Amino acid sequence: MSAIGFGNVAIVGAGAIGGWLGVHLAKAGVQLSVLARGDTLHALQHHGLQLNQGGELHFVPVQASNDAADLGVQDLVIISVKAPALAAVAPQVAPLIGPETVVLTAMNGVPWWFLQGFGGPVQGRPLQTVDPQGAIACALPAKHIIGCVVHASCSVDAPGVVRHHFGDGLIVGEPSGQVTPRVQALHALLQRAGFNATVSSQVQKDIWYKLWGNMTMNPVSAITGATADRVLDDEMVRGFMSRVMLEAKAIGECIGIPVAQEPEDRHAVTRKLGAFKTSMLQDVQSGKPVELDALVSAVRELGQMTGMSTPFTDALLGLSRLHARTLGLYPAQ
C-alpha cells in the first residue's frame, strides 16, 4: 500500500454505485482503474468516468480494460456488480488481487461471506443460494473481504455516465467485527473522498437491516409494477410484507442480529422516500436479471439452516421467481 493508504483502486462494476464511488475516490487522489466490457468499456476509454451530482458534471480519467491482467495488482478492489453477475465475474478478478489487497463488497443483499466469523449456530457455513458452486468464495477469499453497506441512490444516464440522487452513507466493517488497521485506513480514505463513512463492529447487522426492507419492497414492486407508495398504500399487500419481515426478524435473532423495530416502523421510513421505483422494478423494466437470490433466497436458506418456518418468505420467493422466469430474467429451474 502507498503512503496514502490505498493508492491504486479498481472498480469492478462501474454502474450506478460503482461509478459514483469511483469518481469520488479519483478526485481524492487515488489511481483509478475499472474492469468493464461492452459499451461501458468503450465509453470509459474514450470519455472517462462522469458523474452528475448537485447540478455539476464531474469527470475523471480512468484506466479501463476488459482484462484484469492489464490493470495489475491493486490496493483496493471494489466489487459493485449486480449479484446475479458475480459468479461469472469473480474468477476474472484474480489478477487484481495480491496478498494485501482489500476487496470491498458494495452490493445489495446477503453476500457469500455473510457467515464467515459470524452467525451463532450457523457460523462459517457457505450459502448455496448465493454461491452454489463455491466459485465466488474460491476467487475472492474471505481474508481479503471488507463489507460495505451503501445508503445512497444513483442511476446510470448512459454508459460511463452516472447520476447521484440522494444519500452519501457508507458503512464498512470486517466480517469478524474487528476494527483492524486496514478498515481504519479505508474509513479515512472514504471520508477524505467526501462520503459519510462509518466503521461497524458488526457489518452483518447493517446488511441485515437494509435487507429487512429491501427483501419485500423490491420483489413486490417488481411483480406488480407499482411504485413504493402504491405498494404501501395497499393494506393487504403491506400486511403480507410485514409477515415476511417478521420471519426475517426471527431468523436474525437466532443468528445474532436482532432488529429493534417492527415492520410498520420500517414501512414509515420507506414511505418518506415517496413514489420511487425500486432497483428490482427498474431491472425488470430494463429486461435485466433480478437479484432474487441475494435478497430473498438467502433468507429462506438461513431459515432452513436455523430450523425456522418461513411460509410467507416461501410464497414471496415462489411468486417473484416464477414472474422473473416467465420474463427470462431468472435461470430456468
Protein backbone atom coordinates (compact mmCIF):
# COMPACT_ATOMS: atom_id res chain seq x y z
CA MET A 1 0.00 0.00 0.00
CA SER A 2 1.14 3.50 -0.74
CA ALA A 3 1.66 6.31 1.74
CA ILE A 4 -1.98 7.48 1.40
CA GLY A 5 -3.25 4.01 2.29
CA PHE A 6 -4.88 2.87 -0.93
CA GLY A 7 -3.08 4.39 -3.87
CA ASN A 8 -4.35 2.01 -6.53
CA VAL A 9 -8.07 1.30 -6.63
CA ALA A 10 -10.05 -0.78 -9.13
CA ILE A 11 -13.80 -0.74 -9.63
CA VAL A 12 -15.43 -3.96 -10.81
CA GLY A 13 -18.87 -2.92 -11.98
CA ALA A 14 -18.87 0.78 -12.92
CA GLY A 15 -22.64 1.10 -12.89
CA ALA A 16 -24.63 3.47 -10.70
CA ILE A 17 -22.98 2.85 -7.31
CA GLY A 18 -19.57 1.79 -8.66
CA GLY A 19 -19.33 4.86 -10.87
CA TRP A 20 -20.34 7.16 -8.03
CA LEU A 21 -17.74 5.65 -5.71
CA GLY A 22 -15.07 5.74 -8.43
CA VAL A 23 -15.42 9.42 -9.29
CA HIS A 24 -15.19 10.49 -5.65
CA LEU A 25 -12.18 8.27 -4.98
CA ALA A 26 -10.37 9.50 -8.10
CA LYS A 27 -10.98 13.12 -7.06
CA ALA A 28 -9.48 12.21 -3.66
CA GLY A 29 -6.21 11.27 -5.36
CA VAL A 30 -6.25 7.53 -5.99
CA GLN A 31 -5.13 5.96 -9.27
CA LEU A 32 -8.42 4.58 -10.54
CA SER A 33 -8.83 1.55 -12.79
CA VAL A 34 -12.06 -0.04 -14.00
CA LEU A 35 -12.74 -3.59 -15.15
CA ALA A 36 -15.53 -3.22 -17.71
CA ARG A 37 -16.82 -4.51 -21.00
CA GLY A 38 -19.03 -3.57 -23.96
CA ASP A 39 -20.43 -0.06 -24.23
CA THR A 40 -19.24 0.87 -20.74
CA LEU A 41 -15.65 -0.06 -21.59
CA HIS A 42 -15.78 1.95 -24.82
CA ALA A 43 -17.21 5.00 -23.02
CA LEU A 44 -14.61 4.86 -20.23
CA GLN A 45 -11.71 4.52 -22.65
CA HIS A 46 -12.83 7.47 -24.77
CA HIS A 47 -14.61 9.78 -22.32
CA GLY A 48 -13.57 8.72 -18.80
CA LEU A 49 -15.98 8.29 -15.91
CA GLN A 50 -18.60 11.00 -15.46
CA LEU A 51 -20.86 11.89 -12.52
CA ASN A 52 -23.80 14.28 -12.39
CA GLN A 53 -24.12 15.44 -8.80
CA GLY A 54 -25.54 18.58 -7.26
CA GLY A 55 -26.07 20.21 -10.64
CA GLU A 56 -22.43 19.73 -11.63
CA LEU A 57 -20.78 17.31 -14.04
CA HIS A 58 -17.61 15.72 -12.67
CA PHE A 59 -15.17 13.97 -14.99
CA VAL A 60 -12.22 11.74 -14.11
CA PRO A 61 -9.92 9.83 -16.48
CA VAL A 62 -9.56 6.12 -15.73
CA GLN A 63 -7.55 3.16 -16.92
CA ALA A 64 -10.19 0.77 -18.26
CA SER A 65 -9.88 -2.73 -19.65
CA ASN A 66 -11.88 -5.94 -20.04
CA ASP A 67 -8.80 -7.88 -18.92
CA ALA A 68 -7.81 -7.58 -15.26
CA ALA A 69 -4.22 -8.50 -16.16
CA ASP A 70 -3.92 -5.14 -17.95
CA LEU A 71 -4.74 -3.33 -14.71
CA GLY A 72 -2.45 -5.26 -12.35
CA VAL A 73 -2.49 -5.83 -8.60
CA GLN A 74 -4.48 -3.22 -6.65
CA ASP A 75 -4.52 -1.97 -3.08
CA LEU A 76 -8.32 -1.87 -3.07
CA VAL A 77 -10.83 -3.64 -5.32
CA ILE A 78 -14.45 -2.51 -5.08
CA ILE A 79 -16.99 -5.10 -6.22
CA SER A 80 -20.24 -3.39 -7.20
CA VAL A 81 -21.76 -5.68 -9.81
CA LYS A 82 -25.31 -6.98 -9.54
CA ALA A 83 -25.41 -10.21 -7.53
CA PRO A 84 -26.53 -12.47 -10.43
CA ALA A 85 -23.40 -11.49 -12.40
CA LEU A 86 -20.86 -12.12 -9.65
CA ALA A 87 -20.28 -15.85 -10.16
CA ALA A 88 -19.14 -15.19 -13.73
CA VAL A 89 -17.16 -12.06 -12.88
CA ALA A 90 -15.34 -13.26 -9.74
CA PRO A 91 -12.83 -15.60 -11.47
CA GLN A 92 -11.83 -12.77 -13.81
CA VAL A 93 -10.78 -10.57 -10.87
CA ALA A 94 -7.81 -12.72 -9.75
CA PRO A 95 -5.07 -10.59 -11.42
CA LEU A 96 -6.22 -7.58 -9.38
CA ILE A 97 -5.65 -9.31 -6.03
CA GLY A 98 -2.31 -9.54 -4.28
CA PRO A 99 -1.53 -10.78 -0.75
CA GLU A 100 -2.55 -7.48 0.90
CA THR A 101 -5.37 -6.39 -1.42
CA VAL A 102 -8.63 -5.40 0.26
CA VAL A 103 -11.83 -6.39 -1.54
CA LEU A 104 -14.76 -4.14 -0.65
CA THR A 105 -18.18 -5.59 -1.48
CA ALA A 106 -20.68 -2.80 -2.22
CA MET A 107 -23.67 -4.93 -3.23
CA ASN A 108 -27.29 -5.49 -2.26
CA GLY A 109 -28.48 -8.40 -0.18
CA VAL A 110 -26.78 -11.22 1.68
CA PRO A 111 -23.20 -11.76 0.44
CA TRP A 112 -21.47 -15.13 0.09
CA TRP A 113 -19.17 -14.38 3.03
CA PHE A 114 -22.03 -13.46 5.42
CA LEU A 115 -21.46 -16.31 7.88
CA GLN A 116 -17.65 -16.10 7.96
CA GLY A 117 -16.63 -15.23 11.52
CA PHE A 118 -20.26 -14.71 12.47
CA GLY A 119 -23.62 -16.45 12.70
CA GLY A 120 -24.04 -18.20 16.05
CA PRO A 121 -25.24 -21.76 15.37
CA VAL A 122 -24.55 -21.50 11.61
CA GLN A 123 -21.20 -19.66 11.74
CA GLY A 124 -18.82 -20.45 8.90
CA ARG A 125 -21.33 -22.25 6.71
CA PRO A 126 -21.49 -21.46 2.98
CA LEU A 127 -24.64 -20.05 1.41
CA GLN A 128 -25.61 -22.22 -1.52
CA THR A 129 -28.20 -19.80 -2.83
CA VAL A 130 -25.70 -17.01 -3.49
CA ASP A 131 -22.60 -19.14 -4.26
CA PRO A 132 -23.89 -22.58 -5.30
CA GLN A 133 -20.60 -23.94 -6.65
CA GLY A 134 -18.31 -22.07 -4.25
CA ALA A 135 -16.71 -20.29 -7.20
CA ILE A 136 -17.07 -16.84 -5.63
CA ALA A 137 -15.51 -17.88 -2.31
CA CYS A 138 -12.65 -19.53 -4.20
CA ALA A 139 -11.97 -16.47 -6.37
CA LEU A 140 -12.48 -13.90 -3.58
CA PRO A 141 -11.19 -15.46 -0.33
CA ALA A 142 -12.77 -14.23 2.88
CA LYS A 143 -9.43 -12.95 4.25
CA HIS A 144 -9.49 -10.13 1.67
CA ILE A 145 -13.07 -9.03 2.34
CA ILE A 146 -14.38 -5.89 3.99
CA GLY A 147 -18.15 -5.50 3.86
CA CYS A 148 -19.89 -2.30 2.80
CA VAL A 149 -23.48 -1.12 3.09
CA VAL A 150 -24.40 1.73 0.76
CA HIS A 151 -27.10 4.22 1.71
CA ALA A 152 -27.36 6.27 -1.47
CA SER A 153 -29.47 6.47 -4.61
CA CYS A 154 -27.76 6.67 -8.00
CA SER A 155 -28.68 5.78 -11.58
CA VAL A 156 -26.96 5.40 -14.93
CA ASP A 157 -27.75 8.07 -17.55
CA ALA A 158 -25.59 6.37 -20.20
CA PRO A 159 -22.60 4.01 -20.25
CA GLY A 160 -19.92 5.62 -18.08
CA VAL A 161 -22.26 8.44 -17.01
CA VAL A 162 -23.77 8.21 -13.51
CA ARG A 163 -26.28 10.44 -11.74
CA HIS A 164 -26.40 10.83 -7.95
CA HIS A 165 -29.85 11.45 -6.47
CA PHE A 166 -29.54 11.44 -2.70
CA GLY A 167 -27.63 9.94 0.22
CA ASP A 168 -23.90 9.59 0.85
CA GLY A 169 -23.70 6.99 3.61
CA LEU A 170 -21.23 4.12 3.60
CA ILE A 171 -20.91 1.62 6.45
CA VAL A 172 -17.80 -0.57 6.33
CA GLY A 173 -16.68 -3.41 8.55
CA GLU A 174 -14.62 -6.57 8.80
CA PRO A 175 -16.66 -9.80 8.70
CA SER A 176 -15.07 -10.67 12.06
CA GLY A 177 -16.18 -7.37 13.61
CA GLN A 178 -12.61 -6.39 14.48
CA VAL A 179 -11.57 -2.78 13.98
CA THR A 180 -8.36 -3.50 12.10
CA PRO A 181 -5.74 -1.06 10.78
CA ARG A 182 -6.91 -1.74 7.22
CA VAL A 183 -10.55 -0.92 7.92
CA GLN A 184 -9.44 2.25 9.71
CA ALA A 185 -7.32 3.23 6.70
CA LEU A 186 -10.23 2.54 4.37
CA HIS A 187 -12.56 4.58 6.54
CA ALA A 188 -10.13 7.51 6.42
CA LEU A 189 -9.94 7.29 2.61
CA LEU A 190 -13.71 7.23 2.23
CA GLN A 191 -14.11 10.23 4.49
CA ARG A 192 -11.43 12.10 2.56
CA ALA A 193 -13.34 11.30 -0.64
CA GLY A 194 -16.42 13.04 0.76
CA PHE A 195 -18.53 10.11 1.89
CA ASN A 196 -20.36 9.94 5.20
CA ALA A 197 -18.45 6.82 6.20
CA THR A 198 -18.66 4.89 9.47
CA VAL A 199 -17.00 1.72 10.75
CA SER A 200 -19.28 -1.03 12.03
CA SER A 201 -18.39 -3.58 14.69
CA GLN A 202 -20.95 -5.94 13.14
CA VAL A 203 -21.41 -5.18 9.46
CA GLN A 204 -23.72 -8.20 9.07
CA LYS A 205 -26.26 -6.39 11.24
CA ASP A 206 -26.12 -3.36 8.95
CA ILE A 207 -26.51 -5.60 5.90
CA TRP A 208 -29.50 -7.35 7.52
CA TYR A 209 -31.19 -4.10 8.50
CA LYS A 210 -31.01 -2.75 4.93
CA LEU A 211 -32.14 -6.13 3.60
CA TRP A 212 -35.09 -6.17 6.00
CA GLY A 213 -36.95 -3.62 3.91
CA ASN A 214 -35.47 -4.38 0.50
CA MET A 215 -36.31 -8.08 0.55
CA THR A 216 -40.04 -7.33 0.42
CA MET A 217 -40.42 -3.99 -1.34
CA ASN A 218 -38.14 -4.93 -4.24
CA PRO A 219 -39.84 -8.17 -5.36
CA VAL A 220 -43.38 -6.95 -4.62
CA SER A 221 -42.82 -3.85 -6.75
CA ALA A 222 -41.22 -5.97 -9.47
CA ILE A 223 -44.23 -8.31 -9.62
CA THR A 224 -46.86 -5.56 -9.50
CA GLY A 225 -45.09 -2.77 -11.40
CA ALA A 226 -46.10 -0.39 -8.61
CA THR A 227 -44.04 2.38 -7.06
CA ALA A 228 -43.26 2.14 -3.36
CA ASP A 229 -46.04 4.50 -2.25
CA ARG A 230 -48.71 2.43 -4.01
CA VAL A 231 -47.34 -0.80 -2.52
CA LEU A 232 -47.52 0.63 1.00
CA ASP A 233 -50.98 2.14 0.42
CA ASP A 234 -52.44 -1.34 -0.12
CA GLU A 235 -53.27 -2.63 3.35
CA MET A 236 -53.31 -6.32 2.39
CA VAL A 237 -50.02 -6.12 0.48
CA ARG A 238 -48.38 -4.20 3.31
CA GLY A 239 -49.65 -6.81 5.78
CA PHE A 240 -48.17 -9.63 3.68
CA MET A 241 -44.82 -7.82 3.55
CA SER A 242 -44.90 -7.39 7.32
CA ARG A 243 -45.35 -11.17 7.76
CA VAL A 244 -42.27 -11.80 5.61
CA MET A 245 -40.32 -9.25 7.63
CA LEU A 246 -41.31 -10.89 10.92
CA GLU A 247 -39.92 -14.20 9.64
CA ALA A 248 -36.64 -12.49 8.73
CA LYS A 249 -36.59 -10.77 12.11
CA ALA A 250 -36.86 -14.15 13.89
CA ILE A 251 -34.01 -15.56 11.77
CA GLY A 252 -31.88 -12.53 12.60
CA GLU A 253 -32.43 -13.01 16.33
CA CYS A 254 -31.35 -16.65 16.01
CA ILE A 255 -28.04 -15.85 14.31
CA GLY A 256 -27.18 -12.83 16.47
CA ILE A 257 -28.58 -9.80 14.62
CA PRO A 258 -31.82 -8.74 16.32
CA VAL A 259 -33.80 -5.94 14.64
CA ALA A 260 -35.06 -3.46 17.27
CA GLN A 261 -38.03 -2.38 15.14
CA GLU A 262 -41.42 -3.58 13.99
CA PRO A 263 -42.31 -3.82 10.30
CA GLU A 264 -44.59 -0.76 10.47
CA ASP A 265 -41.62 1.28 11.74
CA ARG A 266 -39.68 0.36 8.62
CA HIS A 267 -42.66 0.98 6.35
CA ALA A 268 -42.85 4.52 7.77
CA VAL A 269 -39.20 5.14 6.86
CA THR A 270 -39.75 3.83 3.32
CA ARG A 271 -42.88 5.93 2.90
CA LYS A 272 -40.86 9.11 3.45
CA LEU A 273 -38.92 8.33 0.24
CA GLY A 274 -42.07 8.88 -1.81
CA ALA A 275 -43.15 7.37 -5.13
CA PHE A 276 -39.89 5.75 -6.18
CA LYS A 277 -39.22 2.75 -8.37
CA THR A 278 -37.16 0.07 -6.64
CA SER A 279 -33.98 -1.19 -8.27
CA MET A 280 -35.61 -4.56 -8.98
CA LEU A 281 -38.56 -2.93 -10.73
CA GLN A 282 -36.11 -0.90 -12.81
CA ASP A 283 -34.25 -4.12 -13.69
CA VAL A 284 -37.48 -5.82 -14.77
CA GLN A 285 -38.48 -2.87 -16.91
CA SER A 286 -35.00 -2.84 -18.48
CA GLY A 287 -35.01 -6.60 -19.10
CA LYS A 288 -32.10 -7.24 -16.72
CA PRO A 289 -31.63 -10.27 -14.39
CA VAL A 290 -33.10 -9.75 -10.93
CA GLU A 291 -31.29 -10.08 -7.60
CA LEU A 292 -33.75 -12.52 -6.01
CA ASP A 293 -31.21 -14.91 -4.55
CA ALA A 294 -29.26 -12.33 -2.56
CA LEU A 295 -32.44 -10.64 -1.33
CA VAL A 296 -34.90 -13.49 -0.74
CA SER A 297 -33.49 -16.97 -1.45
CA ALA A 298 -30.65 -16.43 1.05
CA VAL A 299 -33.11 -15.50 3.79
CA ARG A 300 -35.09 -18.68 3.11
CA GLU A 301 -31.87 -20.71 3.23
CA LEU A 302 -30.91 -19.14 6.56
CA GLY A 303 -34.36 -20.08 7.82
CA GLN A 304 -33.78 -23.69 6.78
CA MET A 305 -30.34 -23.69 8.44
CA THR A 306 -31.76 -22.44 11.74
CA GLY A 307 -34.93 -24.54 11.70
CA MET A 308 -37.22 -21.54 11.27
CA SER A 309 -40.50 -21.87 9.38
CA THR A 310 -40.81 -19.30 6.56
CA PRO A 311 -44.16 -19.78 4.78
CA PHE A 312 -44.57 -16.13 3.83
CA THR A 313 -40.97 -15.84 2.60
CA ASP A 314 -41.52 -19.03 0.60
CA ALA A 315 -44.63 -17.53 -1.02
CA LEU A 316 -42.83 -14.29 -1.88
CA LEU A 317 -39.90 -16.19 -3.38
CA GLY A 318 -42.11 -18.56 -5.34
CA LEU A 319 -44.21 -15.79 -6.87
CA SER A 320 -41.33 -13.45 -7.66
CA ARG A 321 -39.18 -16.27 -9.05
CA LEU A 322 -41.95 -17.51 -11.34
CA HIS A 323 -42.61 -13.95 -12.52
CA ALA A 324 -38.91 -13.42 -13.28
CA ARG A 325 -38.56 -16.81 -15.02
CA THR A 326 -41.57 -16.05 -17.20
CA LEU A 327 -39.80 -12.88 -18.33
CA GLY A 328 -36.49 -14.68 -18.84
CA LEU A 329 -34.84 -12.73 -16.01
CA TYR A 330 -34.04 -15.64 -13.68
CA PRO A 331 -32.48 -19.04 -14.53
CA ALA A 332 -34.84 -21.82 -15.53
CA GLN A 333 -35.49 -24.47 -12.90
